[in-house]
Amino acid sequence: RIWALFPTANYRTSIAYVASPVWIDPAQPPVQARVV
């Protein structure tokens, strides 16, 4: 299925790796509570 994405490429030996976890944090940092 992966190689079918590239119909003009000839199949070659392939392996797969997973990179985890990859965190995407919010654009705005969390609001910190005021100190009591």
ModelCIF file with pLDDT and N, C-alpha, C, O atoms, coordinates in Angstrom:
data_MODEL
#
_entry.id   MODEL 
#
_entity.id                         1 
_entity.type                       polymer 
_entity.pdbx_number_of_molecules   1 
#
_entity_poly.entity_id                      1 
_entity_poly.type                           'polypeptide(L)' 
_entity_poly.nstd_linkage                   no 
_entity_poly.nstd_monomer                   no 
_entity_poly.pdbx_seq_one_letter_code       RIWALFPTANYRTSIAYVASPVWIDPAQPPVQARVV 
_entity_poly.pdbx_seq_one_letter_code_can   RIWALFPTANYRTSIAYVASPVWIDPAQPPVQARVV 
_entity_poly.pdbx_strand_id                 A 
#
loop_
_entity_poly_seq.entity_id 
_entity_poly_seq.num 
_entity_poly_seq.mon_id 
_entity_poly_seq.hetero 
1 1  ARG n 
1 2  ILE n 
1 3  TRP n 
1 4  ALA n 
1 5  LEU n 
1 6  PHE n 
1 7  PRO n 
1 8  THR n 
1 9  ALA n 
1 10 ASN n 
1 11 TYR n 
1 12 ARG n 
1 13 THR n 
1 14 SER n 
1 15 ILE n 
1 16 ALA n 
1 17 TYR n 
1 18 VAL n 
1 19 ALA n 
1 20 SER n 
1 21 PRO n 
1 22 VAL n 
1 23 TRP n 
1 24 ILE n 
1 25 ASP n 
1 26 PRO n 
1 27 ALA n 
1 28 GLN n 
1 29 PRO n 
1 30 PRO n 
1 31 VAL n 
1 32 GLN n 
1 33 ALA n 
1 34 ARG n 
1 35 VAL n 
1 36 VAL n 
#
_struct_asym.id          A 
_struct_asym.entity_id   1 
#
loop_
_ma_qa_metric.id 
_ma_qa_metric.mode 
_ma_qa_metric.name 
_ma_qa_metric.software_group_id 
_ma_qa_metric.type 
1 global pLDDT . pLDDT 
2 local  pLDDT . pLDDT 
#
_ma_qa_metric_global.metric_id      1 
_ma_qa_metric_global.metric_value   86.00 
_ma_qa_metric_global.model_id       1 
_ma_qa_metric_global.ordinal_id     1 
#
loop_
_ma_qa_metric_local.label_asym_id 
_ma_qa_metric_local.label_comp_id 
_ma_qa_metric_local.label_seq_id 
_ma_qa_metric_local.metric_id 
_ma_qa_metric_local.metric_value 
_ma_qa_metric_local.model_id 
_ma_qa_metric_local.ordinal_id 
A ARG 1  2 95.00 1 1  
A ILE 2  2 95.00 1 2  
A TRP 3  2 94.00 1 3  
A ALA 4  2 95.00 1 4  
A LEU 5  2 93.00 1 5  
A PHE 6  2 94.00 1 6  
A PRO 7  2 93.00 1 7  
A THR 8  2 90.00 1 8  
A ALA 9  2 90.00 1 9  
A ASN 10 2 88.00 1 10 
A TYR 11 2 90.00 1 11 
A ARG 12 2 91.00 1 12 
A THR 13 2 92.00 1 13 
A SER 14 2 95.00 1 14 
A ILE 15 2 97.00 1 15 
A ALA 16 2 98.00 1 16 
A TYR 17 2 98.00 1 17 
A VAL 18 2 98.00 1 18 
A ALA 19 2 98.00 1 19 
A SER 20 2 97.00 1 20 
A PRO 21 2 96.00 1 21 
A VAL 22 2 97.00 1 22 
A TRP 23 2 95.00 1 23 
A ILE 24 2 94.00 1 24 
A ASP 25 2 90.00 1 25 
A PRO 26 2 87.00 1 26 
A ALA 27 2 85.00 1 27 
A GLN 28 2 72.00 1 28 
A PRO 29 2 64.00 1 29 
A PRO 30 2 55.00 1 30 
A VAL 31 2 62.00 1 31 
A GLN 32 2 61.00 1 32 
A ALA 33 2 61.00 1 33 
A ARG 34 2 64.00 1 34 
A VAL 35 2 65.00 1 35 
A VAL 36 2 67.00 1 36 
#
loop_
_atom_site.group_PDB 
_atom_site.id 
_atom_site.type_symbol 
_atom_site.label_atom_id 
_atom_site.label_alt_id 
_atom_site.label_comp_id 
_atom_site.label_asym_id 
_atom_site.label_entity_id 
_atom_site.label_seq_id 
_atom_site.pdbx_PDB_ins_code 
_atom_site.Cartn_x 
_atom_site.Cartn_y 
_atom_site.Cartn_z 
_atom_site.occupancy 
_atom_site.B_iso_or_equiv 
_atom_site.pdbx_formal_charge 
_atom_site.auth_seq_id 
_atom_site.auth_comp_id 
_atom_site.auth_asym_id 
_atom_site.auth_atom_id 
_atom_site.pdbx_PDB_model_num 
ATOM 1   N N  . ARG A 1 1  ? 0.827  -1.220 0.000   1.00 95.00 ? 1  ARG A N  1 
ATOM 2   C CA . ARG A 1 1  ? 0.000  0.000  0.000   1.00 95.00 ? 1  ARG A CA 1 
ATOM 3   C C  . ARG A 1 1  ? 0.853  1.258  0.000   1.00 95.00 ? 1  ARG A C  1 
ATOM 4   O O  . ARG A 1 1  ? 0.533  2.230  -0.685  1.00 95.00 ? 1  ARG A O  1 
ATOM 5   N N  . ILE A 1 2  ? 1.944  1.243  0.770   1.00 95.00 ? 2  ILE A N  1 
ATOM 6   C CA . ILE A 1 2  ? 2.824  2.413  0.802   1.00 95.00 ? 2  ILE A CA 1 
ATOM 7   C C  . ILE A 1 2  ? 3.479  2.612  -0.557  1.00 95.00 ? 2  ILE A C  1 
ATOM 8   O O  . ILE A 1 2  ? 3.503  3.724  -1.085  1.00 95.00 ? 2  ILE A O  1 
ATOM 9   N N  . TRP A 1 3  ? 4.012  1.528  -1.123  1.00 94.00 ? 3  TRP A N  1 
ATOM 10  C CA . TRP A 1 3  ? 4.687  1.637  -2.410  1.00 94.00 ? 3  TRP A CA 1 
ATOM 11  C C  . TRP A 1 3  ? 3.710  1.980  -3.536  1.00 94.00 ? 3  TRP A C  1 
ATOM 12  O O  . TRP A 1 3  ? 4.119  2.541  -4.553  1.00 94.00 ? 3  TRP A O  1 
ATOM 13  N N  . ALA A 1 4  ? 2.435  1.653  -3.372  1.00 95.00 ? 4  ALA A N  1 
ATOM 14  C CA . ALA A 1 4  ? 1.439  1.996  -4.390  1.00 95.00 ? 4  ALA A CA 1 
ATOM 15  C C  . ALA A 1 4  ? 1.259  3.510  -4.517  1.00 95.00 ? 4  ALA A C  1 
ATOM 16  O O  . ALA A 1 4  ? 0.741  3.989  -5.526  1.00 95.00 ? 4  ALA A O  1 
ATOM 17  N N  . LEU A 1 5  ? 1.678  4.254  -3.511  1.00 93.00 ? 5  LEU A N  1 
ATOM 18  C CA . LEU A 1 5  ? 1.626  5.718  -3.584  1.00 93.00 ? 5  LEU A CA 1 
ATOM 19  C C  . LEU A 1 5  ? 2.590  6.262  -4.634  1.00 93.00 ? 5  LEU A C  1 
ATOM 20  O O  . LEU A 1 5  ? 2.460  7.401  -5.080  1.00 93.00 ? 5  LEU A O  1 
ATOM 21  N N  . PHE A 1 6  ? 3.558  5.434  -5.022  1.00 94.00 ? 6  PHE A N  1 
ATOM 22  C CA . PHE A 1 6  ? 4.598  5.864  -5.957  1.00 94.00 ? 6  PHE A CA 1 
ATOM 23  C C  . PHE A 1 6  ? 4.647  4.901  -7.142  1.00 94.00 ? 6  PHE A C  1 
ATOM 24  O O  . PHE A 1 6  ? 5.544  4.061  -7.220  1.00 94.00 ? 6  PHE A O  1 
ATOM 25  N N  . PRO A 1 7  ? 3.701  5.014  -8.055  1.00 93.00 ? 7  PRO A N  1 
ATOM 26  C CA . PRO A 1 7  ? 3.617  4.033  -9.156  1.00 93.00 ? 7  PRO A CA 1 
ATOM 27  C C  . PRO A 1 7  ? 4.816  4.053  -10.102 1.00 93.00 ? 7  PRO A C  1 
ATOM 28  O O  . PRO A 1 7  ? 5.053  3.076  -10.814 1.00 93.00 ? 7  PRO A O  1 
ATOM 29  N N  . THR A 1 8  ? 5.573  5.146  -10.121 1.00 90.00 ? 8  THR A N  1 
ATOM 30  C CA . THR A 1 8  ? 6.724  5.211  -11.030 1.00 90.00 ? 8  THR A CA 1 
ATOM 31  C C  . THR A 1 8  ? 8.007  4.710  -10.380 1.00 90.00 ? 8  THR A C  1 
ATOM 32  O O  . THR A 1 8  ? 9.028  4.580  -11.056 1.00 90.00 ? 8  THR A O  1 
ATOM 33  N N  . ALA A 1 9  ? 7.975  4.426  -9.080  1.00 90.00 ? 9  ALA A N  1 
ATOM 34  C CA . ALA A 1 9  ? 9.181  3.953  -8.386  1.00 90.00 ? 9  ALA A CA 1 
ATOM 35  C C  . ALA A 1 9  ? 9.177  2.433  -8.327  1.00 90.00 ? 9  ALA A C  1 
ATOM 36  O O  . ALA A 1 9  ? 8.153  1.809  -8.050  1.00 90.00 ? 9  ALA A O  1 
ATOM 37  N N  . ASN A 1 10 ? 10.337 1.853  -8.592  1.00 88.00 ? 10 ASN A N  1 
ATOM 38  C CA . ASN A 1 10 ? 10.493 0.411  -8.460  1.00 88.00 ? 10 ASN A CA 1 
ATOM 39  C C  . ASN A 1 10 ? 10.656 0.058  -6.995  1.00 88.00 ? 10 ASN A C  1 
ATOM 40  O O  . ASN A 1 10 ? 11.308 0.777  -6.238  1.00 88.00 ? 10 ASN A O  1 
ATOM 41  N N  . TYR A 1 11 ? 10.053 -1.069 -6.598  1.00 90.00 ? 11 TYR A N  1 
ATOM 42  C CA . TYR A 1 11 ? 10.135 -1.499 -5.205  1.00 90.00 ? 11 TYR A CA 1 
ATOM 43  C C  . TYR A 1 11 ? 11.584 -1.812 -4.850  1.00 90.00 ? 11 TYR A C  1 
ATOM 44  O O  . TYR A 1 11 ? 12.330 -2.405 -5.629  1.00 90.00 ? 11 TYR A O  1 
ATOM 45  N N  . ARG A 1 12 ? 11.951 -1.386 -3.637  1.00 91.00 ? 12 ARG A N  1 
ATOM 46  C CA . ARG A 1 12 ? 13.265 -1.705 -3.084  1.00 91.00 ? 12 ARG A CA 1 
ATOM 47  C C  . ARG A 1 12 ? 13.079 -2.147 -1.629  1.00 91.00 ? 12 ARG A C  1 
ATOM 48  O O  . ARG A 1 12 ? 12.035 -1.892 -1.028  1.00 91.00 ? 12 ARG A O  1 
ATOM 49  N N  . THR A 1 13 ? 14.060 -2.787 -1.089  1.00 92.00 ? 13 THR A N  1 
ATOM 50  C CA . THR A 1 13 ? 13.984 -3.265 0.288   1.00 92.00 ? 13 THR A CA 1 
ATOM 51  C C  . THR A 1 13 ? 13.661 -2.104 1.221   1.00 92.00 ? 13 THR A C  1 
ATOM 52  O O  . THR A 1 13 ? 14.281 -1.043 1.149   1.00 92.00 ? 13 THR A O  1 
ATOM 53  N N  . SER A 1 14 ? 12.677 -2.319 2.101   1.00 95.00 ? 14 SER A N  1 
ATOM 54  C CA . SER A 1 14 ? 12.205 -1.264 2.987   1.00 95.00 ? 14 SER A CA 1 
ATOM 55  C C  . SER A 1 14 ? 11.900 -1.820 4.368   1.00 95.00 ? 14 SER A C  1 
ATOM 56  O O  . SER A 1 14 ? 11.500 -2.974 4.523   1.00 95.00 ? 14 SER A O  1 
ATOM 57  N N  . ILE A 1 15 ? 12.098 -0.969 5.366   1.00 97.00 ? 15 ILE A N  1 
ATOM 58  C CA . ILE A 1 15 ? 11.705 -1.275 6.737   1.00 97.00 ? 15 ILE A CA 1 
ATOM 59  C C  . ILE A 1 15 ? 11.026 -0.033 7.301   1.00 97.00 ? 15 ILE A C  1 
ATOM 60  O O  . ILE A 1 15 ? 11.099 1.048  6.717   1.00 97.00 ? 15 ILE A O  1 
ATOM 61  N N  . ALA A 1 16 ? 10.369 -0.200 8.435   1.00 98.00 ? 16 ALA A N  1 
ATOM 62  C CA . ALA A 1 16 ? 9.663  0.935  9.032   1.00 98.00 ? 16 ALA A CA 1 
ATOM 63  C C  . ALA A 1 16 ? 10.107 1.139  10.478  1.00 98.00 ? 16 ALA A C  1 
ATOM 64  O O  . ALA A 1 16 ? 10.443 0.190  11.186  1.00 98.00 ? 16 ALA A O  1 
ATOM 65  N N  . TYR A 1 17 ? 10.098 2.400  10.891  1.00 98.00 ? 17 TYR A N  1 
ATOM 66  C CA . TYR A 1 17 ? 10.386 2.778  12.272  1.00 98.00 ? 17 TYR A CA 1 
ATOM 67  C C  . TYR A 1 17 ? 9.294  3.717  12.753  1.00 98.00 ? 17 TYR A C  1 
ATOM 68  O O  . TYR A 1 17 ? 8.717  4.480  11.979  1.00 98.00 ? 17 TYR A O  1 
ATOM 69  N N  . VAL A 1 18 ? 9.023  3.643  14.063  1.00 98.00 ? 18 VAL A N  1 
ATOM 70  C CA . VAL A 1 18 ? 8.083  4.555  14.698  1.00 98.00 ? 18 VAL A CA 1 
ATOM 71  C C  . VAL A 1 18 ? 8.877  5.436  15.647  1.00 98.00 ? 18 VAL A C  1 
ATOM 72  O O  . VAL A 1 18 ? 9.680  4.937  16.436  1.00 98.00 ? 18 VAL A O  1 
ATOM 73  N N  . ALA A 1 19 ? 8.658  6.738  15.576  1.00 98.00 ? 19 ALA A N  1 
ATOM 74  C CA . ALA A 1 19 ? 9.241  7.697  16.513  1.00 98.00 ? 19 ALA A CA 1 
ATOM 75  C C  . ALA A 1 19 ? 8.121  8.161  17.435  1.00 98.00 ? 19 ALA A C  1 
ATOM 76  O O  . ALA A 1 19 ? 7.106  8.693  16.985  1.00 98.00 ? 19 ALA A O  1 
ATOM 77  N N  . SER A 1 20 ? 8.328  7.945  18.763  1.00 97.00 ? 20 SER A N  1 
ATOM 78  C CA . SER A 1 20 ? 7.251  8.257  19.705  1.00 97.00 ? 20 SER A CA 1 
ATOM 79  C C  . SER A 1 20 ? 7.819  8.546  21.091  1.00 97.00 ? 20 SER A C  1 
ATOM 80  O O  . SER A 1 20 ? 8.836  7.954  21.454  1.00 97.00 ? 20 SER A O  1 
ATOM 81  N N  . PRO A 1 21 ? 7.221  9.413  21.865  1.00 96.00 ? 21 PRO A N  1 
ATOM 82  C CA . PRO A 1 21 ? 6.180  10.360 21.484  1.00 96.00 ? 21 PRO A CA 1 
ATOM 83  C C  . PRO A 1 21 ? 6.801  11.623 20.909  1.00 96.00 ? 21 PRO A C  1 
ATOM 84  O O  . PRO A 1 21 ? 7.903  12.024 21.283  1.00 96.00 ? 21 PRO A O  1 
ATOM 85  N N  . VAL A 1 22 ? 6.081  12.227 20.008  1.00 97.00 ? 22 VAL A N  1 
ATOM 86  C CA . VAL A 1 22 ? 6.454  13.525 19.452  1.00 97.00 ? 22 VAL A CA 1 
ATOM 87  C C  . VAL A 1 22 ? 5.337  14.483 19.886  1.00 97.00 ? 22 VAL A C  1 
ATOM 88  O O  . VAL A 1 22 ? 4.210  14.395 19.397  1.00 97.00 ? 22 VAL A O  1 
ATOM 89  N N  . TRP A 1 23 ? 5.654  15.376 20.788  1.00 95.00 ? 23 TRP A N  1 
ATOM 90  C CA . TRP A 1 23 ? 4.649  16.267 21.377  1.00 95.00 ? 23 TRP A CA 1 
ATOM 91  C C  . TRP A 1 23 ? 4.549  17.570 20.607  1.00 95.00 ? 23 TRP A C  1 
ATOM 92  O O  . TRP A 1 23 ? 5.559  18.191 20.275  1.00 95.00 ? 23 TRP A O  1 
ATOM 93  N N  . ILE A 1 24 ? 3.330  17.973 20.330  1.00 94.00 ? 24 ILE A N  1 
ATOM 94  C CA . ILE A 1 24 ? 3.077  19.317 19.805  1.00 94.00 ? 24 ILE A CA 1 
ATOM 95  C C  . ILE A 1 24 ? 2.308  20.055 20.899  1.00 94.00 ? 24 ILE A C  1 
ATOM 96  O O  . ILE A 1 24 ? 1.146  19.764 21.178  1.00 94.00 ? 24 ILE A O  1 
ATOM 97  N N  . ASP A 1 25 ? 2.991  21.012 21.503  1.00 90.00 ? 25 ASP A N  1 
ATOM 98  C CA . ASP A 1 25 ? 2.402  21.777 22.595  1.00 90.00 ? 25 ASP A CA 1 
ATOM 99  C C  . ASP A 1 25 ? 1.557  22.914 22.054  1.00 90.00 ? 25 ASP A C  1 
ATOM 100 O O  . ASP A 1 25 ? 1.741  23.330 20.910  1.00 90.00 ? 25 ASP A O  1 
ATOM 101 N N  . PRO A 1 26 ? 0.634  23.424 22.858  1.00 87.00 ? 26 PRO A N  1 
ATOM 102 C CA . PRO A 1 26 ? -0.184 24.563 22.425  1.00 87.00 ? 26 PRO A CA 1 
ATOM 103 C C  . PRO A 1 26 ? 0.695  25.772 22.110  1.00 87.00 ? 26 PRO A C  1 
ATOM 104 O O  . PRO A 1 26 ? 1.790  25.915 22.653  1.00 87.00 ? 26 PRO A O  1 
ATOM 105 N N  . ALA A 1 27 ? 0.202  26.630 21.234  1.00 85.00 ? 27 ALA A N  1 
ATOM 106 C CA . ALA A 1 27 ? 0.956  27.822 20.840  1.00 85.00 ? 27 ALA A CA 1 
ATOM 107 C C  . ALA A 1 27 ? 1.148  28.769 22.018  1.00 85.00 ? 27 ALA A C  1 
ATOM 108 O O  . ALA A 1 27 ? 2.197  29.400 22.145  1.00 85.00 ? 27 ALA A O  1 
ATOM 109 N N  . GLN A 1 28 ? 0.147  28.870 22.870  1.00 72.00 ? 28 GLN A N  1 
ATOM 110 C CA . GLN A 1 28 ? 0.217  29.746 24.037  1.00 72.00 ? 28 GLN A CA 1 
ATOM 111 C C  . GLN A 1 28 ? 0.538  28.912 25.266  1.00 72.00 ? 28 GLN A C  1 
ATOM 112 O O  . GLN A 1 28 ? -0.103 27.886 25.494  1.00 72.00 ? 28 GLN A O  1 
ATOM 113 N N  . PRO A 1 29 ? 1.530  29.334 26.076  1.00 64.00 ? 29 PRO A N  1 
ATOM 114 C CA . PRO A 1 29 ? 1.815  28.577 27.295  1.00 64.00 ? 29 PRO A CA 1 
ATOM 115 C C  . PRO A 1 29 ? 0.640  28.654 28.256  1.00 64.00 ? 29 PRO A C  1 
ATOM 116 O O  . PRO A 1 29 ? -0.144 29.602 28.209  1.00 64.00 ? 29 PRO A O  1 
ATOM 117 N N  . PRO A 1 30 ? 0.516  27.657 29.129  1.00 55.00 ? 30 PRO A N  1 
ATOM 118 C CA . PRO A 1 30 ? -0.603 27.680 30.070  1.00 55.00 ? 30 PRO A CA 1 
ATOM 119 C C  . PRO A 1 30 ? -0.507 28.883 31.002  1.00 55.00 ? 30 PRO A C  1 
ATOM 120 O O  . PRO A 1 30 ? 0.587  29.327 31.348  1.00 55.00 ? 30 PRO A O  1 
ATOM 121 N N  . VAL A 1 31 ? -1.652 29.396 31.400  1.00 62.00 ? 31 VAL A N  1 
ATOM 122 C CA . VAL A 1 31 ? -1.694 30.520 32.331  1.00 62.00 ? 31 VAL A CA 1 
ATOM 123 C C  . VAL A 1 31 ? -1.380 29.976 33.724  1.00 62.00 ? 31 VAL A C  1 
ATOM 124 O O  . VAL A 1 31 ? -2.012 29.034 34.200  1.00 62.00 ? 31 VAL A O  1 
ATOM 125 N N  . GLN A 1 32 ? -0.394 30.591 34.356  1.00 61.00 ? 32 GLN A N  1 
ATOM 126 C CA . GLN A 1 32 ? 0.000  30.154 35.685  1.00 61.00 ? 32 GLN A CA 1 
ATOM 127 C C  . GLN A 1 32 ? -0.885 30.819 36.735  1.00 61.00 ? 32 GLN A C  1 
ATOM 128 O O  . GLN A 1 32 ? -1.193 32.007 36.641  1.00 61.00 ? 32 GLN A O  1 
ATOM 129 N N  . ALA A 1 33 ? -1.284 30.043 37.727  1.00 61.00 ? 33 ALA A N  1 
ATOM 130 C CA . ALA A 1 33 ? -2.091 30.593 38.821  1.00 61.00 ? 33 ALA A CA 1 
ATOM 131 C C  . ALA A 1 33 ? -1.245 31.558 39.634  1.00 61.00 ? 33 ALA A C  1 
ATOM 132 O O  . ALA A 1 33 ? -0.030 31.399 39.747  1.00 61.00 ? 33 ALA A O  1 
ATOM 133 N N  . ARG A 1 34 ? -1.899 32.548 40.189  1.00 64.00 ? 34 ARG A N  1 
ATOM 134 C CA . ARG A 1 34 ? -1.193 33.505 41.026  1.00 64.00 ? 34 ARG A CA 1 
ATOM 135 C C  . ARG A 1 34 ? -0.795 32.841 42.332  1.00 64.00 ? 34 ARG A C  1 
ATOM 136 O O  . ARG A 1 34 ? -1.463 31.914 42.791  1.00 64.00 ? 34 ARG A O  1 
ATOM 137 N N  . VAL A 1 35 ? 0.277  33.307 42.925  1.00 65.00 ? 35 VAL A N  1 
ATOM 138 C CA . VAL A 1 35 ? 0.806  32.730 44.152  1.00 65.00 ? 35 VAL A CA 1 
ATOM 139 C C  . VAL A 1 35 ? -0.008 33.230 45.343  1.00 65.00 ? 35 VAL A C  1 
ATOM 140 O O  . VAL A 1 35 ? -0.265 34.427 45.473  1.00 65.00 ? 35 VAL A O  1 
ATOM 141 N N  . VAL A 1 36 ? -0.412 32.301 46.212  1.00 67.00 ? 36 VAL A N  1 
ATOM 142 C CA . VAL A 1 36 ? -1.123 32.659 47.440  1.00 67.00 ? 36 VAL A CA 1 
ATOM 143 C C  . VAL A 1 36 ? -0.084 33.036 48.488  1.00 67.00 ? 36 VAL A C  1 
ATOM 144 O O  . VAL A 1 36 ? -0.440 33.378 49.615  1.00 67.00 ? 36 VAL A O  1 
#
